[in-house]
């Protein structure tokens, strides 16, 4: 089975702090077969990732994706090449994603303060039942329980915002090593979930990078 982290942010996200190159090298170092780069409201990090993986000859599959801000919360769409507009309802966003051939995942659907939808819409393709950025795990448990009750495909993601977080949650996918086949397998539910809670030291590291980033931007904006 192929090992993927399906929820990763690069510096193309407003709250991501590492380059695509660094993220891909980290994924390769820890033995992943691939990742999905899912920057906030932008597909560009994923498209860059596809090219970087080829240029560095990493033998790593990169799925372009986007974590889209809807009127209710976030949705992840994988396998697209164009940005989807923000600020639409989840249902309209899902319909547009499907028209573009995307695979729609509900990330952290019940995690408070994480732009959660708070429900699982119809016509989605999979539910992120394990997000490694948690404290007690109740939200993951609730997502898994509802996904099972509706017989929905399940995936996991680290929700990494720095390279060291990549791989904290892994989706094992029973598929041939091509993006189309992988997305097809996700939609069919041919997945197995593994994960661990993101270590507190990595949260601290992200906070330090965030503070440095904001301080640097503040200083650059001074006359």
Protein backbone atom coordinates (compact mmCIF):
# COMPACT_ATOMS: atom_id res chain seq x y z
CA UNK A 1 0.00 0.00 0.00
CA UNK A 2 1.13 3.54 -0.74
CA UNK A 3 1.80 5.84 2.22
CA UNK A 4 0.51 9.40 1.86
CA UNK A 5 0.08 12.50 3.97
CA UNK A 6 -3.00 14.09 2.42
CA UNK A 7 -3.08 17.43 4.28
CA UNK A 8 0.09 19.53 4.09
CA UNK A 9 0.66 23.30 3.94
CA UNK A 10 3.64 25.07 2.42
CA UNK A 11 4.78 28.68 2.65
CA UNK A 12 2.18 29.39 -0.03
CA UNK A 13 -0.35 29.32 2.83
CA UNK A 14 -0.62 32.43 5.01
CA UNK A 15 0.20 30.25 8.03
CA UNK A 16 2.66 27.83 6.41
CA UNK A 17 6.35 28.42 6.96
CA UNK A 18 8.47 26.01 4.91
CA UNK A 19 9.25 25.81 1.21
CA UNK A 20 7.81 23.16 -1.07
CA UNK A 21 11.33 21.79 -1.61
CA UNK A 22 11.90 21.32 2.11
CA UNK A 23 8.52 19.64 2.58
CA UNK A 24 9.08 17.17 -0.27
CA UNK A 25 12.56 16.27 0.94
CA UNK A 26 11.16 15.65 4.42
CA UNK A 27 8.42 13.42 3.01
CA UNK A 28 11.00 11.38 1.14
CA UNK A 29 13.27 11.11 4.19
CA UNK A 30 10.52 9.59 6.34
CA UNK A 31 9.56 7.03 3.70
CA UNK A 32 6.34 8.42 2.28
CA UNK A 33 5.32 7.53 -1.26
CA UNK A 34 3.64 10.88 -1.73
CA UNK A 35 1.84 13.86 -0.28
CA UNK A 36 -0.97 16.22 -1.13
CA UNK A 37 -0.06 19.89 -0.80
CA UNK A 38 -3.24 21.64 0.28
CA UNK A 39 -2.49 25.31 0.79
CA UNK A 40 -5.19 27.67 1.94
CA UNK A 41 -7.18 28.99 -1.02
CA UNK A 42 -4.39 28.36 -3.52
CA UNK A 43 -3.45 25.46 -5.77
CA UNK A 44 -0.04 26.95 -6.59
CA UNK A 45 1.94 25.10 -3.92
CA UNK A 46 0.67 21.78 -5.22
CA UNK A 47 1.48 22.62 -8.83
CA UNK A 48 4.97 23.75 -7.82
CA UNK A 49 5.36 20.53 -5.85
CA UNK A 50 4.69 18.40 -8.92
CA UNK A 51 7.49 20.19 -10.79
CA UNK A 52 9.93 20.20 -7.87
CA UNK A 53 9.51 16.47 -7.33
CA UNK A 54 10.47 15.89 -10.96
CA UNK A 55 13.36 18.35 -10.92
CA UNK A 56 14.86 16.85 -7.76
CA UNK A 57 14.21 13.30 -9.01
CA UNK A 58 12.60 12.40 -5.68
CA UNK A 59 10.40 9.55 -6.91
CA UNK A 60 7.63 11.10 -4.80
CA UNK A 61 4.04 11.48 -5.98
CA UNK A 62 2.62 14.96 -5.38
CA UNK A 63 -1.12 15.52 -5.58
CA UNK A 64 -2.08 19.17 -6.14
CA UNK A 65 -4.75 20.28 -3.72
CA UNK A 66 -6.34 23.26 -2.05
CA UNK A 67 -7.97 23.85 1.33
CA UNK A 68 -10.84 26.14 0.40
CA UNK A 69 -12.56 28.62 2.70
CA UNK A 70 -16.34 28.30 2.34
CA UNK A 71 -19.06 30.21 4.15
CA UNK A 72 -19.25 27.44 6.76
CA UNK A 73 -15.68 26.20 7.06
CA UNK A 74 -12.93 24.44 5.14
CA UNK A 75 -13.04 21.82 2.39
CA UNK A 76 -10.07 20.10 0.76
CA UNK A 77 -10.13 19.42 -2.96
CA UNK A 78 -7.50 17.16 -4.52
CA UNK A 79 -6.58 16.62 -8.15
CA UNK A 80 -7.41 20.02 -9.60
CA UNK A 81 -5.21 22.47 -11.51
CA UNK A 82 -7.17 25.71 -11.08
CA UNK A 83 -8.11 27.65 -7.96
CA UNK A 84 -11.69 27.40 -6.74
CA UNK A 85 -13.20 30.70 -5.55
CA UNK A 86 -13.54 31.22 -1.82
CA UNK A 87 -16.59 32.43 0.10
CA UNK A 88 -19.17 30.15 -1.48
CA UNK A 89 -21.42 27.71 0.36
CA UNK A 90 -20.00 24.21 0.92
CA UNK A 91 -22.57 22.78 -1.47
CA UNK A 92 -21.71 25.16 -4.31
CA UNK A 93 -18.00 24.62 -3.65
CA UNK A 94 -18.47 20.85 -3.82
CA UNK A 95 -20.39 21.10 -7.09
CA UNK A 96 -17.72 23.32 -8.64
CA UNK A 97 -14.96 20.98 -7.45
CA UNK A 98 -16.72 17.99 -8.97
CA UNK A 99 -17.17 19.86 -12.26
CA UNK A 100 -13.38 20.36 -12.29
CA UNK A 101 -12.78 16.66 -11.63
CA UNK A 102 -11.72 17.17 -8.02
CA UNK A 103 -11.92 14.76 -5.10
CA UNK A 104 -13.57 16.46 -2.12
CA UNK A 105 -12.53 15.76 1.48
CA UNK A 106 -13.97 17.27 4.65
CA UNK A 107 -10.98 18.11 6.88
CA UNK A 108 -11.24 18.27 10.69
CA UNK A 109 -15.06 18.52 10.45
CA UNK A 110 -15.63 18.82 14.20
CA UNK A 111 -12.42 20.48 15.46
CA UNK A 112 -13.46 23.71 17.23
CA UNK A 113 -11.56 26.87 16.31
CA UNK A 114 -10.21 25.16 13.16
CA UNK A 115 -12.71 26.48 10.59
CA UNK A 116 -14.63 23.23 10.89
CA UNK A 117 -17.84 22.72 8.91
CA UNK A 118 -19.58 21.17 11.90
CA UNK A 119 -21.33 18.67 9.65
CA UNK A 120 -20.57 16.40 6.70
CA UNK A 121 -22.31 17.51 3.49
CA UNK A 122 -23.77 15.20 0.90
CA UNK A 123 -21.73 14.37 -2.20
CA UNK A 124 -18.31 14.59 -0.57
CA UNK A 125 -15.79 11.86 -1.41
CA UNK A 126 -14.07 11.25 1.94
CA UNK A 127 -13.84 12.41 5.54
CA UNK A 128 -10.61 13.25 7.35
CA UNK A 129 -11.20 11.12 10.44
CA UNK A 130 -7.68 11.58 11.83
CA UNK A 131 -6.08 15.00 11.97
CA UNK A 132 -2.89 14.90 14.03
CA UNK A 133 -3.25 18.45 15.40
CA UNK A 134 -5.42 17.61 18.41
CA UNK A 135 -5.36 17.69 22.19
CA UNK A 136 -7.80 15.02 23.42
CA UNK A 137 -8.99 13.40 20.20
CA UNK A 138 -12.76 13.76 20.64
CA UNK A 139 -13.18 15.57 17.32
CA UNK A 140 -11.40 12.79 15.44
CA UNK A 141 -13.53 10.20 17.23
CA UNK A 142 -16.71 12.05 16.25
CA UNK A 143 -15.62 12.34 12.61
CA UNK A 144 -14.82 8.62 12.45
CA UNK A 145 -18.12 7.66 14.08
CA UNK A 146 -20.15 9.69 11.60
CA UNK A 147 -18.12 8.50 8.60
CA UNK A 148 -18.71 4.89 9.64
CA UNK A 149 -22.43 5.49 10.16
CA UNK A 150 -22.72 6.82 6.59
CA UNK A 151 -20.24 4.34 5.08
CA UNK A 152 -18.02 7.15 3.81
CA UNK A 153 -14.38 6.73 2.75
CA UNK A 154 -11.88 7.81 5.42
CA UNK A 155 -8.49 9.50 5.25
CA UNK A 156 -5.91 11.04 7.59
CA UNK A 157 -3.72 14.11 7.38
CA UNK A 158 -1.05 15.77 9.47
CA UNK A 159 -2.29 19.30 8.68
CA UNK A 160 1.41 20.14 8.71
CA UNK A 161 2.35 23.82 8.67
CA UNK A 162 6.09 23.14 8.96
CA UNK A 163 8.09 20.38 7.30
CA UNK A 164 8.81 18.51 10.54
CA UNK A 165 5.07 17.89 11.02
CA UNK A 166 4.76 15.98 7.75
CA UNK A 167 3.87 12.32 8.28
CA UNK A 168 2.30 12.62 11.73
CA UNK A 169 -0.83 11.20 10.11
CA UNK A 170 -0.70 8.80 7.18
CA UNK A 171 -3.27 7.39 4.79
CA UNK A 172 -2.26 4.02 3.37
CA UNK A 173 -3.85 3.62 -0.05
CA UNK A 174 -4.32 0.36 -1.93
CA UNK A 175 -3.55 1.69 -5.39
CA UNK A 176 -1.21 1.74 -8.34
CA UNK A 177 1.25 4.67 -8.14
CA UNK A 178 -0.58 7.21 -10.28
CA UNK A 179 -2.56 10.26 -9.16
CA UNK A 180 -5.74 9.21 -10.98
CA UNK A 181 -5.64 5.69 -9.51
CA UNK A 182 -4.85 7.02 -6.03
CA UNK A 183 -7.80 9.42 -6.07
CA UNK A 184 -10.02 6.66 -7.39
CA UNK A 185 -8.92 4.40 -4.52
CA UNK A 186 -9.63 7.15 -1.97
CA UNK A 187 -13.14 7.58 -3.35
CA UNK A 188 -13.62 3.81 -3.17
CA UNK A 189 -12.51 3.73 0.46
CA UNK A 190 -9.45 1.55 -0.19
CA UNK A 191 -7.56 3.21 2.65
CA UNK A 192 -6.08 2.45 6.06
CA UNK A 193 -5.36 5.12 8.67
CA UNK A 194 -2.28 5.56 10.86
CA UNK A 195 -1.30 8.50 13.00
CA UNK A 196 -0.04 10.10 16.17
CA UNK A 197 -0.71 13.39 17.87
CA UNK A 198 1.58 16.18 16.71
CA UNK A 199 4.26 16.55 19.42
CA UNK A 200 4.07 19.71 21.50
CA UNK A 201 7.65 20.57 20.56
CA UNK A 202 6.54 20.88 16.92
CA UNK A 203 3.69 23.19 17.88
CA UNK A 204 6.29 25.28 19.70
CA UNK A 205 8.56 25.24 16.65
CA UNK A 206 5.70 26.41 14.43
CA UNK A 207 4.91 29.21 16.88
CA UNK A 208 8.53 30.39 16.81
CA UNK A 209 8.54 30.38 13.01
CA UNK A 210 5.25 32.28 13.01
CA UNK A 211 6.58 34.93 15.39
CA UNK A 212 9.75 35.33 13.33
CA UNK A 213 7.71 35.60 10.13
CA UNK A 214 5.43 38.31 11.54
CA UNK A 215 8.32 40.25 13.06
CA UNK A 216 10.25 40.15 9.79
CA UNK A 217 7.22 41.36 7.85
CA UNK A 218 6.64 44.16 10.37
CA UNK A 219 10.25 45.34 10.08
CA UNK A 220 10.17 45.25 6.29
CA UNK A 221 7.04 47.40 6.27
CA UNK A 222 8.66 50.15 8.35
CA UNK A 223 9.64 53.36 6.46
